[in-house]
Amino acid sequence: MKKSNMEELAQQLIANYMMDYQKQIGKSEGEANGSFVFLDHQTLQMILTYMFAQMGQAQSVTYDTAELESKMDHVMVQQKKQLEEIILALEGKV
């Protein structure tokens, strides 16, 4: 299989995956959600898929990710604290 055919097929697969994911998110928007963000495996896969798709389009562009990394670390710490609070609250009810 030629490289151009493989790239085109990969782009089609990514586009299909993204459409399916958007449909799934649209269905779950009506459901009651928590007040904090939880990244499930599908959301993480979508982020990685998007990042890989972008890598193929702009390989010569580099980014300073230090600020983004610090923000992500901060969000992860907040998520951990919230999860620990939930666990403590649930343990108190048991």
C-alpha atoms as a PDB file:
ATOM      1  CA  MET A   1       0.000   0.000   0.000  1.00  0.00           C
ATOM      2  CA  LYS A   2       1.365   3.414  -0.923  1.00  0.00           C
ATOM      3  CA  LYS A   3       2.203   5.925   1.776  1.00  0.00           C
ATOM      4  CA  SER A   4      -0.306   8.458   0.398  1.00  0.00           C
ATOM      5  CA  ASN A   5      -3.068   5.820   0.482  1.00  0.00           C
ATOM      6  CA  MET A   6      -2.186   4.925   4.066  1.00  0.00           C
ATOM      7  CA  GLU A   7      -2.219   8.591   5.100  1.00  0.00           C
ATOM      8  CA  GLU A   8      -5.588   9.108   3.419  1.00  0.00           C
ATOM      9  CA  LEU A   9      -6.993   6.012   5.132  1.00  0.00           C
ATOM     10  CA  ALA A  10      -5.642   7.186   8.495  1.00  0.00           C
ATOM     11  CA  GLN A  11      -7.273  10.585   8.008  1.00  0.00           C
ATOM     12  CA  GLN A  12     -10.594   8.914   7.149  1.00  0.00           C
ATOM     13  CA  LEU A  13     -10.391   6.690  10.231  1.00  0.00           C
ATOM     14  CA  ILE A  14      -9.628   9.682  12.441  1.00  0.00           C
ATOM     15  CA  ALA A  15     -12.503  11.664  10.914  1.00  0.00           C
ATOM     16  CA  ASN A  16     -14.915   8.748  11.460  1.00  0.00           C
ATOM     17  CA  TYR A  17     -13.733   8.302  15.034  1.00  0.00           C
ATOM     18  CA  MET A  18     -14.197  12.021  15.721  1.00  0.00           C
ATOM     19  CA  MET A  19     -17.731  12.011  14.261  1.00  0.00           C
ATOM     20  CA  ASP A  20     -18.705   8.977  16.345  1.00  0.00           C
ATOM     21  CA  TYR A  21     -17.278  10.621  19.447  1.00  0.00           C
ATOM     22  CA  GLN A  22     -19.181  13.856  18.796  1.00  0.00           C
ATOM     23  CA  LYS A  23     -22.417  11.884  18.397  1.00  0.00           C
ATOM     24  CA  GLN A  24     -21.790  10.100  21.689  1.00  0.00           C
ATOM     25  CA  ILE A  25     -21.063  13.386  23.481  1.00  0.00           C
ATOM     26  CA  GLY A  26     -24.229  14.894  22.011  1.00  0.00           C
ATOM     27  CA  LYS A  27     -26.281  12.033  23.428  1.00  0.00           C
ATOM     28  CA  SER A  28     -24.800  12.385  26.908  1.00  0.00           C
ATOM     29  CA  GLU A  29     -25.155  16.185  27.137  1.00  0.00           C
ATOM     30  CA  GLY A  30     -28.689  15.882  28.504  1.00  0.00           C
ATOM     31  CA  GLU A  31     -27.544  13.744  31.397  1.00  0.00           C
ATOM     32  CA  ALA A  32     -26.687  15.330  34.724  1.00  0.00           C
ATOM     33  CA  ASN A  33     -22.938  15.798  35.041  1.00  0.00           C
ATOM     34  CA  GLY A  34     -20.713  16.409  38.051  1.00  0.00           C
ATOM     35  CA  SER A  35     -19.159  19.763  38.713  1.00  0.00           C
ATOM     36  CA  PHE A  36     -15.627  18.653  37.881  1.00  0.00           C
ATOM     37  CA  VAL A  37     -13.960  17.333  34.747  1.00  0.00           C
ATOM     38  CA  PHE A  38     -13.264  13.636  34.480  1.00  0.00           C
ATOM     39  CA  LEU A  39     -11.285  12.446  31.491  1.00  0.00           C
ATOM     40  CA  ASP A  40     -12.474   8.983  30.600  1.00  0.00           C
ATOM     41  CA  HIS A  41     -10.551   6.706  28.257  1.00  0.00           C
ATOM     42  CA  GLN A  42     -12.502   7.855  25.199  1.00  0.00           C
ATOM     43  CA  THR A  43     -11.750  11.527  25.849  1.00  0.00           C
ATOM     44  CA  LEU A  44      -8.068  10.782  26.324  1.00  0.00           C
ATOM     45  CA  GLN A  45      -8.030   8.750  23.122  1.00  0.00           C
ATOM     46  CA  MET A  46      -9.698  11.636  21.298  1.00  0.00           C
ATOM     47  CA  ILE A  47      -7.100  14.103  22.566  1.00  0.00           C
ATOM     48  CA  LEU A  48      -4.258  11.800  21.518  1.00  0.00           C
ATOM     49  CA  THR A  49      -5.856  11.197  18.115  1.00  0.00           C
ATOM     50  CA  TYR A  50      -6.178  14.925  17.548  1.00  0.00           C
ATOM     51  CA  MET A  51      -2.584  15.504  18.600  1.00  0.00           C
ATOM     52  CA  PHE A  52      -1.286  12.796  16.245  1.00  0.00           C
ATOM     53  CA  ALA A  53      -3.358  14.186  13.390  1.00  0.00           C
ATOM     54  CA  GLN A  54      -1.913  17.630  13.999  1.00  0.00           C
ATOM     55  CA  MET A  55       1.628  16.252  14.167  1.00  0.00           C
ATOM     56  CA  GLY A  56       1.294  15.016  10.604  1.00  0.00           C
ATOM     57  CA  GLN A  57       0.173  18.423   9.370  1.00  0.00           C
ATOM     58  CA  ALA A  58       2.742  20.646  11.068  1.00  0.00           C
ATOM     59  CA  GLN A  59       5.930  18.773  11.792  1.00  0.00           C
ATOM     60  CA  SER A  60       8.180  21.820  11.563  1.00  0.00           C
ATOM     61  CA  VAL A  61       6.339  23.785  14.270  1.00  0.00           C
ATOM     62  CA  THR A  62       7.579  23.418  17.836  1.00  0.00           C
ATOM     63  CA  TYR A  63       5.862  24.595  20.981  1.00  0.00           C
ATOM     64  CA  ASP A  64       6.996  25.510  24.457  1.00  0.00           C
ATOM     65  CA  THR A  65       4.890  23.213  26.584  1.00  0.00           C
ATOM     66  CA  ALA A  66       6.207  24.252  30.010  1.00  0.00           C
ATOM     67  CA  GLU A  67       3.218  26.515  30.742  1.00  0.00           C
ATOM     68  CA  LEU A  68       0.749  23.919  29.528  1.00  0.00           C
ATOM     69  CA  GLU A  69       2.439  21.227  31.608  1.00  0.00           C
ATOM     70  CA  SER A  70       2.229  23.349  34.747  1.00  0.00           C
ATOM     71  CA  LYS A  71      -1.461  24.058  34.123  1.00  0.00           C
ATOM     72  CA  MET A  72      -2.150  20.367  33.559  1.00  0.00           C
ATOM     73  CA  ASP A  73      -0.271  19.482  36.743  1.00  0.00           C
ATOM     74  CA  HIS A  74      -2.379  22.024  38.634  1.00  0.00           C
ATOM     75  CA  VAL A  75      -5.608  20.563  37.215  1.00  0.00           C
ATOM     76  CA  MET A  76      -4.478  17.055  38.120  1.00  0.00           C
ATOM     77  CA  VAL A  77      -3.767  18.109  41.712  1.00  0.00           C
ATOM     78  CA  GLN A  78      -7.215  19.702  41.954  1.00  0.00           C
ATOM     79  CA  GLN A  79      -8.831  16.577  40.499  1.00  0.00           C
ATOM     80  CA  LYS A  80      -7.001  14.397  43.006  1.00  0.00           C
ATOM     81  CA  LYS A  81      -8.154  16.567  45.925  1.00  0.00           C
ATOM     82  CA  GLN A  82     -11.757  16.464  44.714  1.00  0.00           C
ATOM     83  CA  LEU A  83     -11.626  12.707  44.262  1.00  0.00           C
ATOM     84  CA  GLU A  84     -10.191  12.272  47.758  1.00  0.00           C
ATOM     85  CA  GLU A  85     -13.002  14.445  49.159  1.00  0.00           C
ATOM     86  CA  ILE A  86     -15.578  12.301  47.376  1.00  0.00           C
ATOM     87  CA  ILE A  87     -13.980   9.116  48.708  1.00  0.00           C
ATOM     88  CA  LEU A  88     -13.966  10.509  52.256  1.00  0.00           C
ATOM     89  CA  ALA A  89     -17.601  11.544  51.942  1.00  0.00           C
ATOM     90  CA  LEU A  90     -18.577   8.094  50.680  1.00  0.00           C
ATOM     91  CA  GLU A  91     -16.594   6.370  53.416  1.00  0.00           C
ATOM     92  CA  GLY A  92     -18.426   8.503  55.984  1.00  0.00           C
ATOM     93  CA  LYS A  93     -21.801   7.283  54.664  1.00  0.00           C
ATOM     94  CA  VAL A  94     -20.860   3.601  54.761  1.00  0.00           C
END
